[in-house]
Amino acid sequence: MCTPNRRPDLDHPVELDWITRARCREGDPDRLFVQGAAQRKAAALCRHCPVLTECGAYALDNRVEFGIWGGMTERQRRALLREHPGVSWSVLLEEQRRR
């Protein structure tokens, strides 16, 4: 079952059904909320996740500040948001899938 959430800047619901397929659903969630060098190890858990892209897009679109999301550290997400402030990452993902 997917859970649509409305975003004020989007005209369509954001689907969250990908969460049920995430590799991080199993195990201790605290392992993804670490600091410093431990973030690289935590991000490696995402490497073979089937929803890596959806997770990253969700975190970027929703400006998630903490934790590893989509294999990205907090610093990596902040850098992407600074470089591309007006991007809707979920829309970009959908456009790429259609190509």
PDB file of N, CA and C in Angstrom:
ATOM      1  N   MET A   1       0.843  -1.174   0.000  1.00  0.00           N
ATOM      2  CA  MET A   1       0.000   0.000   0.000  1.00  0.00           C
ATOM      3  C   MET A   1       0.888   1.235   0.000  1.00  0.00           C
ATOM      4  N   CYS A   2       0.579   2.182  -0.820  1.00  0.00           N
ATOM      5  CA  CYS A   2       1.384   3.398  -0.833  1.00  0.00           C
ATOM      6  C   CYS A   2       0.666   4.489  -0.056  1.00  0.00           C
ATOM      7  N   THR A   3       1.455   5.366   0.468  1.00  0.00           N
ATOM      8  CA  THR A   3       0.938   6.459   1.275  1.00  0.00           C
ATOM      9  C   THR A   3       1.209   7.767   0.566  1.00  0.00           C
ATOM     10  N   PRO A   4       0.194   8.363  -0.054  1.00  0.00           N
ATOM     11  CA  PRO A   4       0.453   9.639  -0.715  1.00  0.00           C
ATOM     12  C   PRO A   4       0.493  10.782   0.291  1.00  0.00           C
ATOM     13  N   ASN A   5       1.464  11.618   0.146  1.00  0.00           N
ATOM     14  CA  ASN A   5       1.567  12.848   0.937  1.00  0.00           C
ATOM     15  C   ASN A   5       1.543  14.006  -0.029  1.00  0.00           C
ATOM     16  N   ARG A   6       0.843  15.035   0.299  1.00  0.00           N
ATOM     17  CA  ARG A   6       0.802  16.214  -0.568  1.00  0.00           C
ATOM     18  C   ARG A   6       1.925  17.161  -0.196  1.00  0.00           C
ATOM     19  N   ARG A   7       2.632  17.594  -1.192  1.00  0.00           N
ATOM     20  CA  ARG A   7       3.662  18.613  -1.007  1.00  0.00           C
ATOM     21  C   ARG A   7       3.096  19.906  -1.561  1.00  0.00           C
ATOM     22  N   PRO A   8       3.254  21.012  -0.863  1.00  0.00           N
ATOM     23  CA  PRO A   8       2.687  22.270  -1.344  1.00  0.00           C
ATOM     24  C   PRO A   8       3.283  22.726  -2.669  1.00  0.00           C
ATOM     25  N   ASP A   9       4.519  22.333  -2.972  1.00  0.00           N
ATOM     26  CA  ASP A   9       5.147  22.788  -4.206  1.00  0.00           C
ATOM     27  C   ASP A   9       4.948  21.819  -5.368  1.00  0.00           C
ATOM     28  N   LEU A  10       4.207  20.742  -5.145  1.00  0.00           N
ATOM     29  CA  LEU A  10       3.947  19.772  -6.206  1.00  0.00           C
ATOM     30  C   LEU A  10       2.448  19.664  -6.431  1.00  0.00           C
ATOM     31  N   ASP A  11       2.079  19.355  -7.665  1.00  0.00           N
ATOM     32  CA  ASP A  11       0.662  19.220  -7.985  1.00  0.00           C
ATOM     33  C   ASP A  11       0.158  17.792  -7.835  1.00  0.00           C
ATOM     34  N   HIS A  12       1.022  16.891  -7.415  1.00  0.00           N
ATOM     35  CA  HIS A  12       0.627  15.491  -7.309  1.00  0.00           C
ATOM     36  C   HIS A  12       1.138  14.915  -5.993  1.00  0.00           C
ATOM     37  N   PRO A  13       0.531  13.808  -5.545  1.00  0.00           N
ATOM     38  CA  PRO A  13       0.983  13.213  -4.288  1.00  0.00           C
ATOM     39  C   PRO A  13       2.360  12.580  -4.445  1.00  0.00           C
ATOM     40  N   VAL A  14       3.101  12.562  -3.364  1.00  0.00           N
ATOM     41  CA  VAL A  14       4.394  11.894  -3.331  1.00  0.00           C
ATOM     42  C   VAL A  14       4.147  10.480  -2.831  1.00  0.00           C
ATOM     43  N   GLU A  15       4.505   9.497  -3.618  1.00  0.00           N
ATOM     44  CA  GLU A  15       4.276   8.105  -3.248  1.00  0.00           C
ATOM     45  C   GLU A  15       5.383   7.626  -2.315  1.00  0.00           C
ATOM     46  N   LEU A  16       5.009   6.963  -1.257  1.00  0.00           N
ATOM     47  CA  LEU A  16       5.982   6.475  -0.288  1.00  0.00           C
ATOM     48  C   LEU A  16       6.018   4.950  -0.219  1.00  0.00           C
ATOM     49  N   ASP A  17       5.477   4.266  -1.219  1.00  0.00           N
ATOM     50  CA  ASP A  17       5.476   2.807  -1.191  1.00  0.00           C
ATOM     51  C   ASP A  17       6.881   2.223  -1.254  1.00  0.00           C
ATOM     52  N   TRP A  18       7.853   2.992  -1.723  1.00  0.00           N
ATOM     53  CA  TRP A  18       9.231   2.517  -1.819  1.00  0.00           C
ATOM     54  C   TRP A  18       9.811   2.182  -0.450  1.00  0.00           C
ATOM     55  N   ILE A  19       9.304   2.798   0.586  1.00  0.00           N
ATOM     56  CA  ILE A  19       9.858   2.597   1.927  1.00  0.00           C
ATOM     57  C   ILE A  19       9.800   1.129   2.340  1.00  0.00           C
ATOM     58  N   THR A  20       8.776   0.427   1.923  1.00  0.00           N
ATOM     59  CA  THR A  20       8.647  -0.978   2.313  1.00  0.00           C
ATOM     60  C   THR A  20       9.710  -1.857   1.663  1.00  0.00           C
ATOM     61  N   ARG A  21      10.366  -1.375   0.612  1.00  0.00           N
ATOM     62  CA  ARG A  21      11.396  -2.158  -0.080  1.00  0.00           C
ATOM     63  C   ARG A  21      12.816  -1.738   0.298  1.00  0.00           C
ATOM     64  N   ALA A  22      12.950  -0.801   1.193  1.00  0.00           N
ATOM     65  CA  ALA A  22      14.269  -0.287   1.571  1.00  0.00           C
ATOM     66  C   ALA A  22      15.048  -1.316   2.394  1.00  0.00           C
ATOM     67  N   ARG A  23      16.329  -1.445   2.114  1.00  0.00           N
ATOM     68  CA  ARG A  23      17.193  -2.372   2.858  1.00  0.00           C
ATOM     69  C   ARG A  23      17.298  -1.991   4.326  1.00  0.00           C
ATOM     70  N   CYS A  24      17.219  -0.721   4.619  1.00  0.00           N
ATOM     71  CA  CYS A  24      17.399  -0.252   5.995  1.00  0.00           C
ATOM     72  C   CYS A  24      16.190  -0.536   6.881  1.00  0.00           C
ATOM     73  N   ARG A  25      15.138  -1.090   6.317  1.00  0.00           N
ATOM     74  CA  ARG A  25      13.949  -1.414   7.121  1.00  0.00           C
ATOM     75  C   ARG A  25      14.277  -2.449   8.191  1.00  0.00           C
ATOM     76  N   GLU A  26      15.293  -3.249   7.931  1.00  0.00           N
ATOM     77  CA  GLU A  26      15.694  -4.270   8.893  1.00  0.00           C
ATOM     78  C   GLU A  26      16.942  -3.801   9.625  1.00  0.00           C
ATOM     79  N   GLY A  27      17.031  -4.113  10.865  1.00  0.00           N
ATOM     80  CA  GLY A  27      18.190  -3.702  11.648  1.00  0.00           C
ATOM     81  C   GLY A  27      17.914  -2.437  12.437  1.00  0.00           C
ATOM     82  N   ASP A  28      18.940  -1.983  13.097  1.00  0.00           N
ATOM     83  CA  ASP A  28      18.848  -0.824  13.973  1.00  0.00           C
ATOM     84  C   ASP A  28      18.861   0.467  13.159  1.00  0.00           C
ATOM     85  N   PRO A  29      17.804   1.267  13.195  1.00  0.00           N
ATOM     86  CA  PRO A  29      17.786   2.511  12.423  1.00  0.00           C
ATOM     87  C   PRO A  29      18.829   3.524  12.892  1.00  0.00           C
ATOM     88  N   ASP A  30      19.277   3.410  14.127  1.00  0.00           N
ATOM     89  CA  ASP A  30      20.284   4.348  14.637  1.00  0.00           C
ATOM     90  C   ASP A  30      21.601   4.258  13.884  1.00  0.00           C
ATOM     91  N   ARG A  31      21.848   3.148  13.223  1.00  0.00           N
ATOM     92  CA  ARG A  31      23.108   3.002  12.473  1.00  0.00           C
ATOM     93  C   ARG A  31      23.182   3.981  11.304  1.00  0.00           C
ATOM     94  N   LEU A  32      22.052   4.556  10.897  1.00  0.00           N
ATOM     95  CA  LEU A  32      22.030   5.523   9.801  1.00  0.00           C
ATOM     96  C   LEU A  32      22.069   6.967  10.294  1.00  0.00           C
ATOM     97  N   PHE A  33      22.103   7.144  11.586  1.00  0.00           N
ATOM     98  CA  PHE A  33      22.139   8.483  12.175  1.00  0.00           C
ATOM     99  C   PHE A  33      23.404   8.614  13.021  1.00  0.00           C
ATOM    100  N   VAL A  34      24.521   8.633  12.319  1.00  0.00           N
ATOM    101  CA  VAL A  34      25.838   8.703  12.946  1.00  0.00           C
ATOM    102  C   VAL A  34      26.561   9.957  12.469  1.00  0.00           C
ATOM    103  N   GLN A  35      27.703  10.226  13.063  1.00  0.00           N
ATOM    104  CA  GLN A  35      28.451  11.430  12.704  1.00  0.00           C
ATOM    105  C   GLN A  35      29.857  11.067  12.252  1.00  0.00           C
ATOM    106  N   GLY A  36      30.488  12.023  11.599  1.00  0.00           N
ATOM    107  CA  GLY A  36      31.884  11.887  11.209  1.00  0.00           C
ATOM    108  C   GLY A  36      32.145  10.752  10.239  1.00  0.00           C
ATOM    109  N   ALA A  37      33.276  10.080  10.445  1.00  0.00           N
ATOM    110  CA  ALA A  37      33.715   9.021   9.538  1.00  0.00           C
ATOM    111  C   ALA A  37      32.745   7.844   9.499  1.00  0.00           C
ATOM    112  N   ALA A  38      31.968   7.656  10.534  1.00  0.00           N
ATOM    113  CA  ALA A  38      31.006   6.554  10.566  1.00  0.00           C
ATOM    114  C   ALA A  38      29.932   6.710   9.494  1.00  0.00           C
ATOM    115  N   GLN A  39      29.766   7.924   8.966  1.00  0.00           N
ATOM    116  CA  GLN A  39      28.761   8.141   7.927  1.00  0.00           C
ATOM    117  C   GLN A  39      29.095   7.374   6.650  1.00  0.00           C
ATOM    118  N   ARG A  40      30.375   7.254   6.316  1.00  0.00           N
ATOM    119  CA  ARG A  40      30.745   6.495   5.109  1.00  0.00           C
ATOM    120  C   ARG A  40      30.328   5.037   5.230  1.00  0.00           C
ATOM    121  N   LYS A  41      30.589   4.464   6.384  1.00  0.00           N
ATOM    122  CA  LYS A  41      30.201   3.069   6.622  1.00  0.00           C
ATOM    123  C   LYS A  41      28.683   2.928   6.555  1.00  0.00           C
ATOM    124  N   ALA A  42      27.982   3.867   7.148  1.00  0.00           N
ATOM    125  CA  ALA A  42      26.519   3.828   7.127  1.00  0.00           C
ATOM    126  C   ALA A  42      25.994   3.968   5.701  1.00  0.00           C
ATOM    127  N   ALA A  43      26.585   4.857   4.917  1.00  0.00           N
ATOM    128  CA  ALA A  43      26.148   5.057   3.531  1.00  0.00           C
ATOM    129  C   ALA A  43      26.389   3.809   2.690  1.00  0.00           C
ATOM    130  N   ALA A  44      27.395   3.029   3.044  1.00  0.00           N
ATOM    131  CA  ALA A  44      27.680   1.793   2.305  1.00  0.00           C
ATOM    132  C   ALA A  44      26.535   0.793   2.424  1.00  0.00           C
ATOM    133  N   LEU A  45      25.746   0.880   3.479  1.00  0.00           N
ATOM    134  CA  LEU A  45      24.591  -0.004   3.633  1.00  0.00           C
ATOM    135  C   LEU A  45      23.580   0.210   2.511  1.00  0.00           C
ATOM    136  N   CYS A  46      23.582   1.387   1.937  1.00  0.00           N
ATOM    137  CA  CYS A  46      22.619   1.742   0.892  1.00  0.00           C
ATOM    138  C   CYS A  46      23.052   1.267  -0.497  1.00  0.00           C
ATOM    139  N   ARG A  47      24.282   0.871  -0.629  1.00  0.00           N
ATOM    140  CA  ARG A  47      24.874   0.624  -1.939  1.00  0.00           C
ATOM    141  C   ARG A  47      24.017  -0.261  -2.850  1.00  0.00           C
ATOM    142  N   HIS A  48      23.461  -1.326  -2.328  1.00  0.00           N
ATOM    143  CA  HIS A  48      22.686  -2.249  -3.161  1.00  0.00           C
ATOM    144  C   HIS A  48      21.183  -2.177  -2.871  1.00  0.00           C
ATOM    145  N   CYS A  49      20.752  -1.089  -2.306  1.00  0.00           N
ATOM    146  CA  CYS A  49      19.337  -0.926  -1.975  1.00  0.00           C
ATOM    147  C   CYS A  49      18.525  -0.701  -3.251  1.00  0.00           C
ATOM    148  N   PRO A  50      17.402  -1.397  -3.410  1.00  0.00           N
ATOM    149  CA  PRO A  50      16.594  -1.247  -4.620  1.00  0.00           C
ATOM    150  C   PRO A  50      15.875   0.101  -4.729  1.00  0.00           C
ATOM    151  N   VAL A  51      15.826   0.857  -3.646  1.00  0.00           N
ATOM    152  CA  VAL A  51      15.125   2.148  -3.675  1.00  0.00           C
ATOM    153  C   VAL A  51      16.064   3.306  -3.345  1.00  0.00           C
ATOM    154  N   LEU A  52      17.321   3.144  -3.647  1.00  0.00           N
ATOM    155  CA  LEU A  52      18.337   4.158  -3.365  1.00  0.00           C
ATOM    156  C   LEU A  52      17.948   5.523  -3.928  1.00  0.00           C
ATOM    157  N   THR A  53      17.528   5.552  -5.175  1.00  0.00           N
ATOM    158  CA  THR A  53      17.200   6.816  -5.837  1.00  0.00           C
ATOM    159  C   THR A  53      15.960   7.461  -5.240  1.00  0.00           C
ATOM    160  N   GLU A  54      14.918   6.677  -5.008  1.00  0.00           N
ATOM    161  CA  GLU A  54      13.688   7.215  -4.430  1.00  0.00           C
ATOM    162  C   GLU A  54      13.946   7.792  -3.040  1.00  0.00           C
ATOM    163  N   CYS A  55      14.754   7.094  -2.272  1.00  0.00           N
ATOM    164  CA  CYS A  55      15.090   7.529  -0.921  1.00  0.00           C
ATOM    165  C   CYS A  55      15.840   8.860  -0.951  1.00  0.00           C
ATOM    166  N   GLY A  56      16.817   8.953  -1.835  1.00  0.00           N
ATOM    167  CA  GLY A  56      17.575  10.200  -1.958  1.00  0.00           C
ATOM    168  C   GLY A  56      16.706  11.355  -2.406  1.00  0.00           C
ATOM    169  N   ALA A  57      15.831  11.094  -3.383  1.00  0.00           N
ATOM    170  CA  ALA A  57      14.935  12.141  -3.877  1.00  0.00           C
ATOM    171  C   ALA A  57      13.991  12.609  -2.772  1.00  0.00           C
ATOM    172  N   TYR A  58      13.479  11.674  -1.999  1.00  0.00           N
ATOM    173  CA  TYR A  58      12.594  12.026  -0.890  1.00  0.00           C
ATOM    174  C   TYR A  58      13.317  12.930   0.111  1.00  0.00           C
ATOM    175  N   ALA A  59      14.527  12.546   0.481  1.00  0.00           N
ATOM    176  CA  ALA A  59      15.287  13.326   1.458  1.00  0.00           C
ATOM    177  C   ALA A  59      15.602  14.720   0.936  1.00  0.00           C
ATOM    178  N   LEU A  60      15.951  14.817  -0.333  1.00  0.00           N
ATOM    179  CA  LEU A  60      16.266  16.122  -0.918  1.00  0.00           C
ATOM    180  C   LEU A  60      15.015  16.993  -1.032  1.00  0.00           C
ATOM    181  N   ASP A  61      13.929  16.424  -1.534  1.00  0.00           N
ATOM    182  CA  ASP A  61      12.688  17.197  -1.692  1.00  0.00           C
ATOM    183  C   ASP A  61      12.133  17.685  -0.357  1.00  0.00           C
ATOM    184  N   ASN A  62      12.318  16.889   0.673  1.00  0.00           N
ATOM    185  CA  ASN A  62      11.761  17.225   1.985  1.00  0.00           C
ATOM    186  C   ASN A  62      12.780  17.862   2.918  1.00  0.00           C
ATOM    187  N   ARG A  63      13.947  18.155   2.367  1.00  0.00           N
ATOM    188  CA  ARG A  63      15.011  18.827   3.130  1.00  0.00           C
ATOM    189  C   ARG A  63      15.297  18.121   4.453  1.00  0.00           C
ATOM    190  N   VAL A  64      15.409  16.781   4.378  1.00  0.00           N
ATOM    191  CA  VAL A  64      15.728  15.994   5.569  1.00  0.00           C
ATOM    192  C   VAL A  64      17.151  16.344   5.998  1.00  0.00           C
ATOM    193  N   GLU A  65      17.300  16.798   7.214  1.00  0.00           N
ATOM    194  CA  GLU A  65      18.591  17.308   7.677  1.00  0.00           C
ATOM    195  C   GLU A  65      19.515  16.242   8.245  1.00  0.00           C
ATOM    196  N   PHE A  66      18.977  15.209   8.850  1.00  0.00           N
ATOM    197  CA  PHE A  66      19.815  14.279   9.594  1.00  0.00           C
ATOM    198  C   PHE A  66      19.775  12.876   9.017  1.00  0.00           C
ATOM    199  N   GLY A  67      20.871  12.165   9.169  1.00  0.00           N
ATOM    200  CA  GLY A  67      20.945  10.762   8.790  1.00  0.00           C
ATOM    201  C   GLY A  67      21.406  10.533   7.368  1.00  0.00           C
ATOM    202  N   ILE A  68      21.600   9.266   7.070  1.00  0.00           N
ATOM    203  CA  ILE A  68      21.972   8.822   5.731  1.00  0.00           C
ATOM    204  C   ILE A  68      20.681   8.498   4.995  1.00  0.00           C
ATOM    205  N   TRP A  69      20.501   9.107   3.852  1.00  0.00           N
ATOM    206  CA  TRP A  69      19.319   8.882   3.011  1.00  0.00           C
ATOM    207  C   TRP A  69      19.794   8.745   1.573  1.00  0.00           C
ATOM    208  N   GLY A  70      19.355   7.701   0.903  1.00  0.00           N
ATOM    209  CA  GLY A  70      19.741   7.517  -0.494  1.00  0.00           C
ATOM    210  C   GLY A  70      21.244   7.386  -0.669  1.00  0.00           C
ATOM    211  N   GLY A  71      21.915   6.870   0.340  1.00  0.00           N
ATOM    212  CA  GLY A  71      23.360   6.707   0.278  1.00  0.00           C
ATOM    213  C   GLY A  71      24.132   8.003   0.423  1.00  0.00           C
ATOM    214  N   MET A  72      23.437   9.082   0.778  1.00  0.00           N
ATOM    215  CA  MET A  72      24.080  10.391   0.902  1.00  0.00           C
ATOM    216  C   MET A  72      24.161  10.834   2.359  1.00  0.00           C
ATOM    217  N   THR A  73      25.269  11.450   2.677  1.00  0.00           N
ATOM    218  CA  THR A  73      25.433  12.031   4.008  1.00  0.00           C
ATOM    219  C   THR A  73      24.702  13.367   4.061  1.00  0.00           C
ATOM    220  N   GLU A  74      24.594  13.888   5.252  1.00  0.00           N
ATOM    221  CA  GLU A  74      23.964  15.200   5.433  1.00  0.00           C
ATOM    222  C   GLU A  74      24.697  16.258   4.620  1.00  0.00           C
ATOM    223  N   ARG A  75      25.999  16.218   4.632  1.00  0.00           N
ATOM    224  CA  ARG A  75      26.817  17.197   3.909  1.00  0.00           C
ATOM    225  C   ARG A  75      26.605  17.077   2.398  1.00  0.00           C
ATOM    226  N   GLN A  76      26.538  15.863   1.891  1.00  0.00           N
ATOM    227  CA  GLN A  76      26.327  15.671   0.451  1.00  0.00           C
ATOM    228  C   GLN A  76      24.975  16.208   0.012  1.00  0.00           C
ATOM    229  N   ARG A  77      23.937  15.984   0.824  1.00  0.00           N
ATOM    230  CA  ARG A  77      22.617  16.495   0.474  1.00  0.00           C
ATOM    231  C   ARG A  77      22.594  18.017   0.507  1.00  0.00           C
ATOM    232  N   ARG A  78      23.219  18.608   1.515  1.00  0.00           N
ATOM    233  CA  ARG A  78      23.269  20.073   1.586  1.00  0.00           C
ATOM    234  C   ARG A  78      23.962  20.656   0.360  1.00  0.00           C
ATOM    235  N   ALA A  79      25.037  20.017  -0.081  1.00  0.00           N
ATOM    236  CA  ALA A  79      25.770  20.504  -1.257  1.00  0.00           C
ATOM    237  C   ALA A  79      24.889  20.449  -2.504  1.00  0.00           C
ATOM    238  N   LEU A  80      24.161  19.353  -2.693  1.00  0.00           N
ATOM    239  CA  LEU A  80      23.263  19.250  -3.851  1.00  0.00           C
ATOM    240  C   LEU A  80      22.175  20.314  -3.804  1.00  0.00           C
ATOM    241  N   LEU A  81      21.630  20.544  -2.633  1.00  0.00           N
ATOM    242  CA  LEU A  81      20.570  21.546  -2.497  1.00  0.00           C
ATOM    243  C   LEU A  81      21.093  22.956  -2.754  1.00  0.00           C
ATOM    244  N   ARG A  82      22.322  23.226  -2.360  1.00  0.00           N
ATOM    245  CA  ARG A  82      22.920  24.539  -2.648  1.00  0.00           C
ATOM    246  C   ARG A  82      23.167  24.704  -4.143  1.00  0.00           C
ATOM    247  N   GLU A  83      23.662  23.649  -4.789  1.00  0.00           N
ATOM    248  CA  GLU A  83      23.978  23.712  -6.219  1.00  0.00           C
ATOM    249  C   GLU A  83      22.728  23.769  -7.090  1.00  0.00           C
ATOM    250  N   HIS A  84      21.653  23.149  -6.639  1.00  0.00           N
ATOM    251  CA  HIS A  84      20.422  23.046  -7.431  1.00  0.00           C
ATOM    252  C   HIS A  84      19.217  23.377  -6.549  1.00  0.00           C
ATOM    253  N   PRO A  85      19.054  24.626  -6.146  1.00  0.00           N
ATOM    254  CA  PRO A  85      18.025  24.975  -5.167  1.00  0.00           C
ATOM    255  C   PRO A  85      16.584  24.808  -5.643  1.00  0.00           C
ATOM    256  N   GLY A  86      16.317  24.921  -6.920  1.00  0.00           N
ATOM    257  CA  GLY A  86      14.937  24.875  -7.387  1.00  0.00           C
ATOM    258  C   GLY A  86      14.490  23.538  -7.938  1.00  0.00           C
ATOM    259  N   VAL A  87      15.294  22.512  -7.773  1.00  0.00           N
ATOM    260  CA  VAL A  87      14.988  21.210  -8.370  1.00  0.00           C
ATOM    261  C   VAL A  87      13.990  20.443  -7.512  1.00  0.00           C
ATOM    262  N   SER A  88      12.998  19.850  -8.168  1.00  0.00           N
ATOM    263  CA  SER A  88      12.134  18.874  -7.513  1.00  0.00           C
ATOM    264  C   SER A  88      12.721  17.518  -7.872  1.00  0.00           C
ATOM    265  N   TRP A  89      13.357  16.896  -6.921  1.00  0.00           N
ATOM    266  CA  TRP A  89      14.103  15.673  -7.192  1.00  0.00           C
ATOM    267  C   TRP A  89      13.194  14.511  -7.564  1.00  0.00           C
ATOM    268  N   SER A  90      12.015  14.415  -6.995  1.00  0.00           N
ATOM    269  CA  SER A  90      11.106  13.326  -7.357  1.00  0.00           C
ATOM    270  C   SER A  90      10.581  13.505  -8.777  1.00  0.00           C
ATOM    271  N   VAL A  91      10.326  14.739  -9.187  1.00  0.00           N
ATOM    272  CA  VAL A  91       9.889  15.002 -10.561  1.00  0.00           C
ATOM    273  C   VAL A  91      11.026  14.684 -11.526  1.00  0.00           C
ATOM    274  N   LEU A  92      12.231  15.086 -11.181  1.00  0.00           N
ATOM    275  CA  LEU A  92      13.395  14.785 -12.013  1.00  0.00           C
ATOM    276  C   LEU A  92      13.565  13.280 -12.175  1.00  0.00           C
ATOM    277  N   LEU A  93      13.408  12.537 -11.102  1.00  0.00           N
ATOM    278  CA  LEU A  93      13.499  11.078 -11.143  1.00  0.00           C
ATOM    279  C   LEU A  93      12.457  10.504 -12.091  1.00  0.00           C
ATOM    280  N   GLU A  94      11.231  10.967 -11.964  1.00  0.00           N
ATOM    281  CA  GLU A  94      10.156  10.464 -12.828  1.00  0.00           C
ATOM    282  C   GLU A  94      10.435  10.785 -14.286  1.00  0.00           C
ATOM    283  N   GLU A  95      10.930  11.966 -14.576  1.00  0.00           N
ATOM    284  CA  GLU A  95      11.264  12.332 -15.955  1.00  0.00           C
ATOM    285  C   GLU A  95      12.362  11.435 -16.506  1.00  0.00           C
ATOM    286  N   GLN A  96      13.350  11.112 -15.693  1.00  0.00           N
ATOM    287  CA  GLN A  96      14.435  10.240 -16.131  1.00  0.00           C
ATOM    288  C   GLN A  96      13.932   8.829 -16.410  1.00  0.00           C
ATOM    289  N   ARG A  97      12.988   8.364 -15.622  1.00  0.00           N
ATOM    290  CA  ARG A  97      12.428   7.020 -15.834  1.00  0.00           C
ATOM    291  C   ARG A  97      11.659   6.943 -17.148  1.00  0.00           C
ATOM    292  N   ARG A  98      11.017   8.027 -17.526  1.00  0.00           N
ATOM    293  CA  ARG A  98      10.198   8.028 -18.748  1.00  0.00           C
ATOM    294  C   ARG A  98      11.046   8.028 -20.007  1.00  0.00           C
ATOM    295  N   ARG A  99      12.300   8.397 -19.911  1.00  0.00           N
ATOM    296  CA  ARG A  99      13.172   8.467 -21.091  1.00  0.00           C
ATOM    297  C   ARG A  99      13.618   7.121 -21.542  1.00  0.00           C
TER     298      ARG A  99
END
